[in-house]
């Protein structure tokens, strides 16, 4: 078990980016599958409007990129509230899994 007491800014952004990219992959695949079965899927590039399976394929690759950028921007905004909630309300987040502990720097700030 691992307990997160503090997390530095860059690590928090990396974590949020990985989570956002995962969501982007899932949503991109759902849009692609929807386009295969005749769903109303579209993709816009300025004045270019694409629909159908081609739009589903484009969304499958573009959604992870766009959602990851949005996740990075959102993580910049939510870092301080997360830090406060983690430190004072939750008193640390306990995670279960397989982790490699790398001791680089004892002081995170």
C-alpha atoms as a PDB file:
ATOM      1  CA  UNK A   1       0.000   0.000   0.000  1.00  0.00           C
ATOM      2  CA  UNK A   2       1.182   3.488  -0.788  1.00  0.00           C
ATOM      3  CA  UNK A   3       0.038   6.664   0.913  1.00  0.00           C
ATOM      4  CA  UNK A   4       0.323  10.011  -0.842  1.00  0.00           C
ATOM      5  CA  UNK A   5       0.896  12.747   1.736  1.00  0.00           C
ATOM      6  CA  UNK A   6       2.390  15.341  -0.638  1.00  0.00           C
ATOM      7  CA  UNK A   7       2.789  15.455  -4.388  1.00  0.00           C
ATOM      8  CA  UNK A   8       4.825  18.047  -6.227  1.00  0.00           C
ATOM      9  CA  UNK A   9       3.386  20.150  -9.027  1.00  0.00           C
ATOM     10  CA  UNK A  10       5.069  18.411 -11.976  1.00  0.00           C
ATOM     11  CA  UNK A  11       4.159  14.930 -10.705  1.00  0.00           C
ATOM     12  CA  UNK A  12       0.545  16.013 -10.252  1.00  0.00           C
ATOM     13  CA  UNK A  13       0.439  17.323 -13.830  1.00  0.00           C
ATOM     14  CA  UNK A  14       1.929  14.043 -15.124  1.00  0.00           C
ATOM     15  CA  UNK A  15      -0.637  12.016 -13.195  1.00  0.00           C
ATOM     16  CA  UNK A  16      -3.533  14.132 -14.486  1.00  0.00           C
ATOM     17  CA  UNK A  17      -2.164  13.952 -18.048  1.00  0.00           C
ATOM     18  CA  UNK A  18      -2.025  10.148 -17.963  1.00  0.00           C
ATOM     19  CA  UNK A  19      -5.572   9.945 -16.587  1.00  0.00           C
ATOM     20  CA  UNK A  20      -6.854  12.428 -19.170  1.00  0.00           C
ATOM     21  CA  UNK A  21      -5.112  10.576 -22.009  1.00  0.00           C
ATOM     22  CA  UNK A  22      -6.745   7.343 -20.850  1.00  0.00           C
ATOM     23  CA  UNK A  23     -10.156   9.017 -20.974  1.00  0.00           C
ATOM     24  CA  UNK A  24      -9.344  10.413 -24.406  1.00  0.00           C
ATOM     25  CA  UNK A  25      -8.514   6.948 -25.719  1.00  0.00           C
ATOM     26  CA  UNK A  26     -11.761   5.523 -24.353  1.00  0.00           C
ATOM     27  CA  UNK A  27     -13.874   8.368 -25.762  1.00  0.00           C
ATOM     28  CA  UNK A  28     -12.065   8.260 -29.116  1.00  0.00           C
ATOM     29  CA  UNK A  29     -12.699   4.525 -29.427  1.00  0.00           C
ATOM     30  CA  UNK A  30     -16.358   4.990 -28.468  1.00  0.00           C
ATOM     31  CA  UNK A  31     -16.751   7.633 -31.170  1.00  0.00           C
ATOM     32  CA  UNK A  32     -15.068   5.371 -33.705  1.00  0.00           C
ATOM     33  CA  UNK A  33     -17.326   2.435 -32.793  1.00  0.00           C
ATOM     34  CA  UNK A  34     -20.344   4.743 -32.942  1.00  0.00           C
ATOM     35  CA  UNK A  35     -19.327   5.913 -36.425  1.00  0.00           C
ATOM     36  CA  UNK A  36     -19.047   2.307 -37.633  1.00  0.00           C
ATOM     37  CA  UNK A  37     -22.625   1.625 -36.538  1.00  0.00           C
ATOM     38  CA  UNK A  38     -23.969   4.758 -38.221  1.00  0.00           C
ATOM     39  CA  UNK A  39     -23.872   7.191 -35.324  1.00  0.00           C
ATOM     40  CA  UNK A  40     -23.841  10.929 -35.932  1.00  0.00           C
ATOM     41  CA  UNK A  41     -20.080  11.483 -35.520  1.00  0.00           C
ATOM     42  CA  UNK A  42     -18.415  14.585 -36.881  1.00  0.00           C
ATOM     43  CA  UNK A  43     -15.063  16.337 -36.810  1.00  0.00           C
ATOM     44  CA  UNK A  44     -14.499  20.043 -37.478  1.00  0.00           C
ATOM     45  CA  UNK A  45     -11.278  21.768 -38.525  1.00  0.00           C
ATOM     46  CA  UNK A  46     -12.220  25.409 -38.943  1.00  0.00           C
ATOM     47  CA  UNK A  47     -14.240  25.476 -42.136  1.00  0.00           C
ATOM     48  CA  UNK A  48     -13.721  21.761 -42.904  1.00  0.00           C
ATOM     49  CA  UNK A  49     -16.547  19.511 -41.642  1.00  0.00           C
ATOM     50  CA  UNK A  50     -16.090  15.737 -41.751  1.00  0.00           C
ATOM     51  CA  UNK A  51     -18.743  13.164 -40.835  1.00  0.00           C
ATOM     52  CA  UNK A  52     -19.122   9.406 -40.759  1.00  0.00           C
ATOM     53  CA  UNK A  53     -16.459   6.748 -40.367  1.00  0.00           C
ATOM     54  CA  UNK A  54     -13.648   9.081 -41.492  1.00  0.00           C
ATOM     55  CA  UNK A  55     -14.605  11.443 -38.653  1.00  0.00           C
ATOM     56  CA  UNK A  56     -14.632   8.470 -36.267  1.00  0.00           C
ATOM     57  CA  UNK A  57     -11.102   7.529 -37.307  1.00  0.00           C
ATOM     58  CA  UNK A  58      -9.910  11.122 -36.922  1.00  0.00           C
ATOM     59  CA  UNK A  59     -11.576  11.425 -33.505  1.00  0.00           C
ATOM     60  CA  UNK A  60      -9.940   8.169 -32.409  1.00  0.00           C
ATOM     61  CA  UNK A  61      -6.543   9.871 -32.818  1.00  0.00           C
ATOM     62  CA  UNK A  62      -7.447  13.487 -31.995  1.00  0.00           C
ATOM     63  CA  UNK A  63      -9.499  12.921 -28.831  1.00  0.00           C
ATOM     64  CA  UNK A  64      -6.593  11.606 -26.721  1.00  0.00           C
ATOM     65  CA  UNK A  65      -4.472  14.613 -27.729  1.00  0.00           C
ATOM     66  CA  UNK A  66      -7.209  17.178 -27.092  1.00  0.00           C
ATOM     67  CA  UNK A  67      -8.373  15.617 -23.820  1.00  0.00           C
ATOM     68  CA  UNK A  68      -4.761  15.345 -22.588  1.00  0.00           C
ATOM     69  CA  UNK A  69      -4.146  19.042 -23.257  1.00  0.00           C
ATOM     70  CA  UNK A  70      -7.380  19.850 -21.423  1.00  0.00           C
ATOM     71  CA  UNK A  71      -6.328  17.603 -18.535  1.00  0.00           C
ATOM     72  CA  UNK A  72      -2.992  19.373 -18.248  1.00  0.00           C
ATOM     73  CA  UNK A  73      -4.671  22.782 -18.212  1.00  0.00           C
ATOM     74  CA  UNK A  74      -7.215  21.588 -15.652  1.00  0.00           C
ATOM     75  CA  UNK A  75      -4.488  20.102 -13.453  1.00  0.00           C
ATOM     76  CA  UNK A  76      -2.775  23.493 -13.266  1.00  0.00           C
ATOM     77  CA  UNK A  77      -6.009  24.969 -11.902  1.00  0.00           C
ATOM     78  CA  UNK A  78      -6.897  22.162  -9.467  1.00  0.00           C
ATOM     79  CA  UNK A  79      -3.440  21.577  -7.966  1.00  0.00           C
ATOM     80  CA  UNK A  80      -3.849  23.882  -4.971  1.00  0.00           C
ATOM     81  CA  UNK A  81      -7.376  22.670  -4.062  1.00  0.00           C
ATOM     82  CA  UNK A  82      -6.161  19.065  -4.370  1.00  0.00           C
ATOM     83  CA  UNK A  83      -3.146  19.818  -2.184  1.00  0.00           C
ATOM     84  CA  UNK A  84      -5.378  21.386   0.488  1.00  0.00           C
ATOM     85  CA  UNK A  85      -7.960  18.577   0.422  1.00  0.00           C
ATOM     86  CA  UNK A  86      -5.288  15.881   0.464  1.00  0.00           C
ATOM     87  CA  UNK A  87      -3.359  17.443   3.354  1.00  0.00           C
ATOM     88  CA  UNK A  88      -6.123  18.714   5.634  1.00  0.00           C
ATOM     89  CA  UNK A  89      -9.344  16.897   4.793  1.00  0.00           C
ATOM     90  CA  UNK A  90      -8.266  13.408   3.733  1.00  0.00           C
ATOM     91  CA  UNK A  91      -4.907  13.377   5.573  1.00  0.00           C
ATOM     92  CA  UNK A  92      -3.346  11.484   2.660  1.00  0.00           C
ATOM     93  CA  UNK A  93      -4.635   9.171  -0.050  1.00  0.00           C
ATOM     94  CA  UNK A  94      -4.007   5.441   0.355  1.00  0.00           C
ATOM     95  CA  UNK A  95      -3.460   3.502  -2.873  1.00  0.00           C
ATOM     96  CA  UNK A  96      -3.189  -0.252  -3.305  1.00  0.00           C
ATOM     97  CA  UNK A  97      -1.215  -1.776  -6.138  1.00  0.00           C
ATOM     98  CA  UNK A  98       2.301  -2.602  -7.211  1.00  0.00           C
ATOM     99  CA  UNK A  99       4.619   0.397  -6.917  1.00  0.00           C
ATOM    100  CA  UNK A 100       8.323   1.037  -7.307  1.00  0.00           C
ATOM    101  CA  UNK A 101       9.574   3.456  -4.703  1.00  0.00           C
ATOM    102  CA  UNK A 102      12.355   5.679  -6.060  1.00  0.00           C
ATOM    103  CA  UNK A 103      14.123   7.775  -3.462  1.00  0.00           C
ATOM    104  CA  UNK A 104      15.373  10.912  -5.231  1.00  0.00           C
ATOM    105  CA  UNK A 105      14.742  13.846  -2.976  1.00  0.00           C
ATOM    106  CA  UNK A 106      13.295  13.797   0.531  1.00  0.00           C
ATOM    107  CA  UNK A 107      12.064  17.395   0.262  1.00  0.00           C
ATOM    108  CA  UNK A 108       9.314  17.832  -2.342  1.00  0.00           C
ATOM    109  CA  UNK A 109       9.147  21.583  -2.111  1.00  0.00           C
END
